[in-house]
Amino acid sequence: MNDPTGLVSRINAVSSEKNRRTTLRLLKEAEKSLDEAYDLDGKPGKEFDYWFLMRDVFGTSFPYPTW
């Protein structure tokens, strides 16, 4: 984007090309896990698989289920 203050000509969205590629890779992995979790949601006997997929995306702070 262009610097609205005019101090610099352009402001990059990412700090480096390597960081951009890493972010895209992580987003694709998260999308895959979320798609799988969506397919399992509400299916009997798949509660733990669902929870592990969601934990992969959101980390260990994802609320543990009460079932």
PDB file of N, CA and C in Angstrom:
ATOM      1  N   MET A   1       0.836  -1.175   0.000  1.00  0.00           N
ATOM      2  CA  MET A   1       0.000   0.000   0.000  1.00  0.00           C
ATOM      3  C   MET A   1       0.883   1.241   0.000  1.00  0.00           C
ATOM      4  N   ASN A   2       0.351   2.319  -0.410  1.00  0.00           N
ATOM      5  CA  ASN A   2       1.085   3.578  -0.374  1.00  0.00           C
ATOM      6  C   ASN A   2       1.033   4.178   1.028  1.00  0.00           C
ATOM      7  N   ASP A   3       2.107   4.783   1.440  1.00  0.00           N
ATOM      8  CA  ASP A   3       2.186   5.422   2.750  1.00  0.00           C
ATOM      9  C   ASP A   3       1.326   6.689   2.728  1.00  0.00           C
ATOM     10  N   PRO A   4       0.271   6.733   3.556  1.00  0.00           N
ATOM     11  CA  PRO A   4      -0.603   7.908   3.542  1.00  0.00           C
ATOM     12  C   PRO A   4       0.089   9.174   4.056  1.00  0.00           C
ATOM     13  N   THR A   5       1.163   9.023   4.836  1.00  0.00           N
ATOM     14  CA  THR A   5       1.866  10.203   5.339  1.00  0.00           C
ATOM     15  C   THR A   5       2.897  10.713   4.346  1.00  0.00           C
ATOM     16  N   GLY A   6       3.241   9.869   3.374  1.00  0.00           N
ATOM     17  CA  GLY A   6       4.222  10.266   2.373  1.00  0.00           C
ATOM     18  C   GLY A   6       5.667  10.134   2.823  1.00  0.00           C
ATOM     19  N   LEU A   7       5.922   9.503   3.975  1.00  0.00           N
ATOM     20  CA  LEU A   7       7.303   9.351   4.452  1.00  0.00           C
ATOM     21  C   LEU A   7       8.080   8.334   3.625  1.00  0.00           C
ATOM     22  N   VAL A   8       7.403   7.279   3.197  1.00  0.00           N
ATOM     23  CA  VAL A   8       8.022   6.273   2.321  1.00  0.00           C
ATOM     24  C   VAL A   8       7.090   6.041   1.152  1.00  0.00           C
ATOM     25  N   SER A   9       7.602   5.466   0.096  1.00  0.00           N
ATOM     26  CA  SER A   9       6.759   5.306  -1.089  1.00  0.00           C
ATOM     27  C   SER A   9       5.800   4.125  -0.964  1.00  0.00           C
ATOM     28  N   ARG A  10       6.270   2.969  -0.513  1.00  0.00           N
ATOM     29  CA  ARG A  10       5.425   1.778  -0.417  1.00  0.00           C
ATOM     30  C   ARG A  10       5.610   1.092   0.935  1.00  0.00           C
ATOM     31  N   ILE A  11       4.538   0.498   1.421  1.00  0.00           N
ATOM     32  CA  ILE A  11       4.590  -0.312   2.636  1.00  0.00           C
ATOM     33  C   ILE A  11       4.205  -1.730   2.222  1.00  0.00           C
ATOM     34  N   ASN A  12       5.119  -2.673   2.412  1.00  0.00           N
ATOM     35  CA  ASN A  12       4.864  -4.057   2.034  1.00  0.00           C
ATOM     36  C   ASN A  12       3.920  -4.714   3.035  1.00  0.00           C
ATOM     37  N   ALA A  13       3.132  -5.673   2.559  1.00  0.00           N
ATOM     38  CA  ALA A  13       2.188  -6.383   3.412  1.00  0.00           C
ATOM     39  C   ALA A  13       2.884  -7.408   4.296  1.00  0.00           C
ATOM     40  N   VAL A  14       4.042  -7.889   3.881  1.00  0.00           N
ATOM     41  CA  VAL A  14       4.800  -8.881   4.658  1.00  0.00           C
ATOM     42  C   VAL A  14       6.245  -8.434   4.755  1.00  0.00           C
ATOM     43  N   SER A  15       6.938  -8.975   5.763  1.00  0.00           N
ATOM     44  CA  SER A  15       8.325  -8.556   5.972  1.00  0.00           C
ATOM     45  C   SER A  15       9.288  -9.188   4.977  1.00  0.00           C
ATOM     46  N   SER A  16       8.904 -10.360   4.423  1.00  0.00           N
ATOM     47  CA  SER A  16       9.771 -11.008   3.442  1.00  0.00           C
ATOM     48  C   SER A  16       8.964 -11.999   2.611  1.00  0.00           C
ATOM     49  N   GLU A  17       9.505 -12.376   1.495  1.00  0.00           N
ATOM     50  CA  GLU A  17       8.865 -13.375   0.639  1.00  0.00           C
ATOM     51  C   GLU A  17       8.799 -14.726   1.351  1.00  0.00           C
ATOM     52  N   LYS A  18       9.822 -15.057   2.118  1.00  0.00           N
ATOM     53  CA  LYS A  18       9.838 -16.313   2.875  1.00  0.00           C
ATOM     54  C   LYS A  18       8.685 -16.346   3.873  1.00  0.00           C
ATOM     55  N   ASN A  19       8.452 -15.248   4.592  1.00  0.00           N
ATOM     56  CA  ASN A  19       7.343 -15.180   5.544  1.00  0.00           C
ATOM     57  C   ASN A  19       5.993 -15.272   4.846  1.00  0.00           C
ATOM     58  N   ARG A  20       5.876 -14.705   3.666  1.00  0.00           N
ATOM     59  CA  ARG A  20       4.629 -14.789   2.903  1.00  0.00           C
ATOM     60  C   ARG A  20       4.346 -16.235   2.519  1.00  0.00           C
ATOM     61  N   ARG A  21       5.363 -16.940   2.030  1.00  0.00           N
ATOM     62  CA  ARG A  21       5.187 -18.347   1.648  1.00  0.00           C
ATOM     63  C   ARG A  21       4.834 -19.211   2.858  1.00  0.00           C
ATOM     64  N   THR A  22       5.488 -18.951   3.985  1.00  0.00           N
ATOM     65  CA  THR A  22       5.197 -19.701   5.206  1.00  0.00           C
ATOM     66  C   THR A  22       3.756 -19.481   5.642  1.00  0.00           C
ATOM     67  N   THR A  23       3.301 -18.251   5.613  1.00  0.00           N
ATOM     68  CA  THR A  23       1.937 -17.925   6.002  1.00  0.00           C
ATOM     69  C   THR A  23       0.929 -18.610   5.092  1.00  0.00           C
ATOM     70  N   LEU A  24       1.167 -18.591   3.790  1.00  0.00           N
ATOM     71  CA  LEU A  24       0.261 -19.257   2.850  1.00  0.00           C
ATOM     72  C   LEU A  24       0.215 -20.761   3.093  1.00  0.00           C
ATOM     73  N   ARG A  25       1.359 -21.376   3.384  1.00  0.00           N
ATOM     74  CA  ARG A  25       1.410 -22.809   3.655  1.00  0.00           C
ATOM     75  C   ARG A  25       0.601 -23.136   4.911  1.00  0.00           C
ATOM     76  N   LEU A  26       0.781 -22.334   5.964  1.00  0.00           N
ATOM     77  CA  LEU A  26       0.049 -22.566   7.208  1.00  0.00           C
ATOM     78  C   LEU A  26      -1.460 -22.370   7.029  1.00  0.00           C
ATOM     79  N   LEU A  27      -1.845 -21.407   6.220  1.00  0.00           N
ATOM     80  CA  LEU A  27      -3.266 -21.195   5.945  1.00  0.00           C
ATOM     81  C   LEU A  27      -3.879 -22.374   5.202  1.00  0.00           C
ATOM     82  N   LYS A  28      -3.148 -22.919   4.253  1.00  0.00           N
ATOM     83  CA  LYS A  28      -3.646 -24.082   3.510  1.00  0.00           C
ATOM     84  C   LYS A  28      -3.790 -25.295   4.423  1.00  0.00           C
ATOM     85  N   GLU A  29      -2.832 -25.489   5.337  1.00  0.00           N
ATOM     86  CA  GLU A  29      -2.919 -26.588   6.294  1.00  0.00           C
ATOM     87  C   GLU A  29      -4.123 -26.396   7.219  1.00  0.00           C
ATOM     88  N   ALA A  30      -4.330 -25.178   7.676  1.00  0.00           N
ATOM     89  CA  ALA A  30      -5.466 -24.886   8.550  1.00  0.00           C
ATOM     90  C   ALA A  30      -6.780 -25.109   7.811  1.00  0.00           C
ATOM     91  N   GLU A  31      -6.835 -24.712   6.564  1.00  0.00           N
ATOM     92  CA  GLU A  31      -8.053 -24.895   5.772  1.00  0.00           C
ATOM     93  C   GLU A  31      -8.383 -26.379   5.646  1.00  0.00           C
ATOM     94  N   LYS A  32      -7.382 -27.197   5.423  1.00  0.00           N
ATOM     95  CA  LYS A  32      -7.594 -28.642   5.298  1.00  0.00           C
ATOM     96  C   LYS A  32      -8.146 -29.208   6.610  1.00  0.00           C
ATOM     97  N   SER A  33      -7.549 -28.835   7.737  1.00  0.00           N
ATOM     98  CA  SER A  33      -8.021 -29.323   9.032  1.00  0.00           C
ATOM     99  C   SER A  33      -9.446 -28.852   9.319  1.00  0.00           C
ATOM    100  N   LEU A  34      -9.748 -27.597   8.997  1.00  0.00           N
ATOM    101  CA  LEU A  34     -11.091 -27.078   9.239  1.00  0.00           C
ATOM    102  C   LEU A  34     -12.126 -27.755   8.351  1.00  0.00           C
ATOM    103  N   ASP A  35     -11.765 -28.043   7.106  1.00  0.00           N
ATOM    104  CA  ASP A  35     -12.682 -28.762   6.219  1.00  0.00           C
ATOM    105  C   ASP A  35     -12.979 -30.157   6.762  1.00  0.00           C
ATOM    106  N   GLU A  36     -11.939 -30.847   7.226  1.00  0.00           N
ATOM    107  CA  GLU A  36     -12.129 -32.183   7.797  1.00  0.00           C
ATOM    108  C   GLU A  36     -12.984 -32.114   9.058  1.00  0.00           C
ATOM    109  N   ALA A  37     -12.718 -31.125   9.911  1.00  0.00           N
ATOM    110  CA  ALA A  37     -13.498 -30.969  11.141  1.00  0.00           C
ATOM    111  C   ALA A  37     -14.955 -30.675  10.816  1.00  0.00           C
ATOM    112  N   TYR A  38     -15.192 -29.857   9.824  1.00  0.00           N
ATOM    113  CA  TYR A  38     -16.564 -29.532   9.424  1.00  0.00           C
ATOM    114  C   TYR A  38     -17.309 -30.792   9.007  1.00  0.00           C
ATOM    115  N   ASP A  39     -16.639 -31.664   8.253  1.00  0.00           N
ATOM    116  CA  ASP A  39     -17.263 -32.913   7.815  1.00  0.00           C
ATOM    117  C   ASP A  39     -17.567 -33.842   8.983  1.00  0.00           C
ATOM    118  N   LEU A  40     -16.755 -33.795  10.046  1.00  0.00           N
ATOM    119  CA  LEU A  40     -16.944 -34.673  11.202  1.00  0.00           C
ATOM    120  C   LEU A  40     -17.908 -34.116  12.241  1.00  0.00           C
ATOM    121  N   ASP A  41     -18.178 -32.837  12.202  1.00  0.00           N
ATOM    122  CA  ASP A  41     -18.988 -32.186  13.236  1.00  0.00           C
ATOM    123  C   ASP A  41     -20.361 -32.845  13.359  1.00  0.00           C
ATOM    124  N   GLY A  42     -20.660 -33.277  14.579  1.00  0.00           N
ATOM    125  CA  GLY A  42     -21.959 -33.868  14.855  1.00  0.00           C
ATOM    126  C   GLY A  42     -22.080 -35.339  14.536  1.00  0.00           C
ATOM    127  N   LYS A  43     -21.048 -35.961  13.970  1.00  0.00           N
ATOM    128  CA  LYS A  43     -21.122 -37.383  13.661  1.00  0.00           C
ATOM    129  C   LYS A  43     -20.795 -38.196  14.916  1.00  0.00           C
ATOM    130  N   PRO A  44     -21.620 -39.162  15.216  1.00  0.00           N
ATOM    131  CA  PRO A  44     -21.380 -39.978  16.411  1.00  0.00           C
ATOM    132  C   PRO A  44     -20.050 -40.721  16.335  1.00  0.00           C
ATOM    133  N   GLY A  45     -19.329 -40.728  17.440  1.00  0.00           N
ATOM    134  CA  GLY A  45     -18.056 -41.437  17.523  1.00  0.00           C
ATOM    135  C   GLY A  45     -16.873 -40.682  16.936  1.00  0.00           C
ATOM    136  N   LYS A  46     -17.094 -39.504  16.421  1.00  0.00           N
ATOM    137  CA  LYS A  46     -16.021 -38.725  15.793  1.00  0.00           C
ATOM    138  C   LYS A  46     -15.669 -37.479  16.591  1.00  0.00           C
ATOM    139  N   GLU A  47     -16.135 -37.397  17.824  1.00  0.00           N
ATOM    140  CA  GLU A  47     -15.931 -36.191  18.636  1.00  0.00           C
ATOM    141  C   GLU A  47     -14.451 -35.900  18.875  1.00  0.00           C
ATOM    142  N   PHE A  48     -13.677 -36.946  19.198  1.00  0.00           N
ATOM    143  CA  PHE A  48     -12.260 -36.727  19.479  1.00  0.00           C
ATOM    144  C   PHE A  48     -11.496 -36.324  18.219  1.00  0.00           C
ATOM    145  N   ASP A  49     -11.840 -36.953  17.082  1.00  0.00           N
ATOM    146  CA  ASP A  49     -11.192 -36.573  15.816  1.00  0.00           C
ATOM    147  C   ASP A  49     -11.473 -35.108  15.505  1.00  0.00           C
ATOM    148  N   TYR A  50     -12.734 -34.689  15.711  1.00  0.00           N
ATOM    149  CA  TYR A  50     -13.110 -33.296  15.493  1.00  0.00           C
ATOM    150  C   TYR A  50     -12.289 -32.371  16.392  1.00  0.00           C
ATOM    151  N   TRP A  51     -12.229 -32.717  17.678  1.00  0.00           N
ATOM    152  CA  TRP A  51     -11.524 -31.866  18.625  1.00  0.00           C
ATOM    153  C   TRP A  51     -10.041 -31.764  18.287  1.00  0.00           C
ATOM    154  N   PHE A  52      -9.409 -32.873  17.920  1.00  0.00           N
ATOM    155  CA  PHE A  52      -7.981 -32.838  17.577  1.00  0.00           C
ATOM    156  C   PHE A  52      -7.723 -31.972  16.337  1.00  0.00           C
ATOM    157  N   LEU A  53      -8.613 -32.021  15.360  1.00  0.00           N
ATOM    158  CA  LEU A  53      -8.459 -31.168  14.175  1.00  0.00           C
ATOM    159  C   LEU A  53      -8.582 -29.694  14.549  1.00  0.00           C
ATOM    160  N   MET A  54      -9.541 -29.380  15.403  1.00  0.00           N
ATOM    161  CA  MET A  54      -9.706 -27.990  15.823  1.00  0.00           C
ATOM    162  C   MET A  54      -8.519 -27.536  16.675  1.00  0.00           C
ATOM    163  N   ARG A  55      -7.994 -28.423  17.497  1.00  0.00           N
ATOM    164  CA  ARG A  55      -6.819 -28.091  18.312  1.00  0.00           C
ATOM    165  C   ARG A  55      -5.606 -27.830  17.421  1.00  0.00           C
ATOM    166  N   ASP A  56      -5.492 -28.579  16.314  1.00  0.00           N
ATOM    167  CA  ASP A  56      -4.389 -28.348  15.383  1.00  0.00           C
ATOM    168  C   ASP A  56      -4.418 -26.932  14.831  1.00  0.00           C
ATOM    169  N   VAL A  57      -5.608 -26.403  14.607  1.00  0.00           N
ATOM    170  CA  VAL A  57      -5.744 -25.062  14.038  1.00  0.00           C
ATOM    171  C   VAL A  57      -5.607 -23.986  15.116  1.00  0.00           C
ATOM    172  N   PHE A  58      -6.318 -24.157  16.247  1.00  0.00           N
ATOM    173  CA  PHE A  58      -6.411 -23.099  17.245  1.00  0.00           C
ATOM    174  C   PHE A  58      -5.479 -23.284  18.430  1.00  0.00           C
ATOM    175  N   GLY A  59      -4.781 -24.405  18.506  1.00  0.00           N
ATOM    176  CA  GLY A  59      -3.852 -24.641  19.596  1.00  0.00           C
ATOM    177  C   GLY A  59      -4.530 -25.233  20.813  1.00  0.00           C
ATOM    178  N   THR A  60      -3.764 -25.413  21.858  1.00  0.00           N
ATOM    179  CA  THR A  60      -4.279 -26.070  23.051  1.00  0.00           C
ATOM    180  C   THR A  60      -5.246 -25.202  23.835  1.00  0.00           C
ATOM    181  N   SER A  61      -5.382 -23.942  23.489  1.00  0.00           N
ATOM    182  CA  SER A  61      -6.360 -23.092  24.168  1.00  0.00           C
ATOM    183  C   SER A  61      -7.765 -23.305  23.633  1.00  0.00           C
ATOM    184  N   PHE A  62      -7.900 -24.129  22.567  1.00  0.00           N
ATOM    185  CA  PHE A  62      -9.241 -24.446  22.062  1.00  0.00           C
ATOM    186  C   PHE A  62      -9.996 -25.164  23.168  1.00  0.00           C
ATOM    187  N   PRO A  63     -11.210 -24.752  23.495  1.00  0.00           N
ATOM    188  CA  PRO A  63     -11.922 -25.325  24.651  1.00  0.00           C
ATOM    189  C   PRO A  63     -12.109 -26.831  24.534  1.00  0.00           C
ATOM    190  N   TYR A  64     -11.747 -27.524  25.597  1.00  0.00           N
ATOM    191  CA  TYR A  64     -11.922 -28.962  25.611  1.00  0.00           C
ATOM    192  C   TYR A  64     -13.417 -29.262  25.730  1.00  0.00           C
ATOM    193  N   PRO A  65     -13.901 -30.216  24.953  1.00  0.00           N
ATOM    194  CA  PRO A  65     -15.343 -30.509  24.979  1.00  0.00           C
ATOM    195  C   PRO A  65     -15.791 -31.094  26.311  1.00  0.00           C
ATOM    196  N   THR A  66     -17.054 -30.962  26.578  1.00  0.00           N
ATOM    197  CA  THR A  66     -17.605 -31.453  27.839  1.00  0.00           C
ATOM    198  C   THR A  66     -18.310 -32.787  27.682  1.00  0.00           C
ATOM    199  N   TRP A  67     -18.193 -33.453  26.534  1.00  0.00           N
ATOM    200  CA  TRP A  67     -18.882 -34.728  26.380  1.00  0.00           C
ATOM    201  C   TRP A  67     -18.193 -35.756  27.141  1.00  0.00           C
TER     202      TRP A  67
END
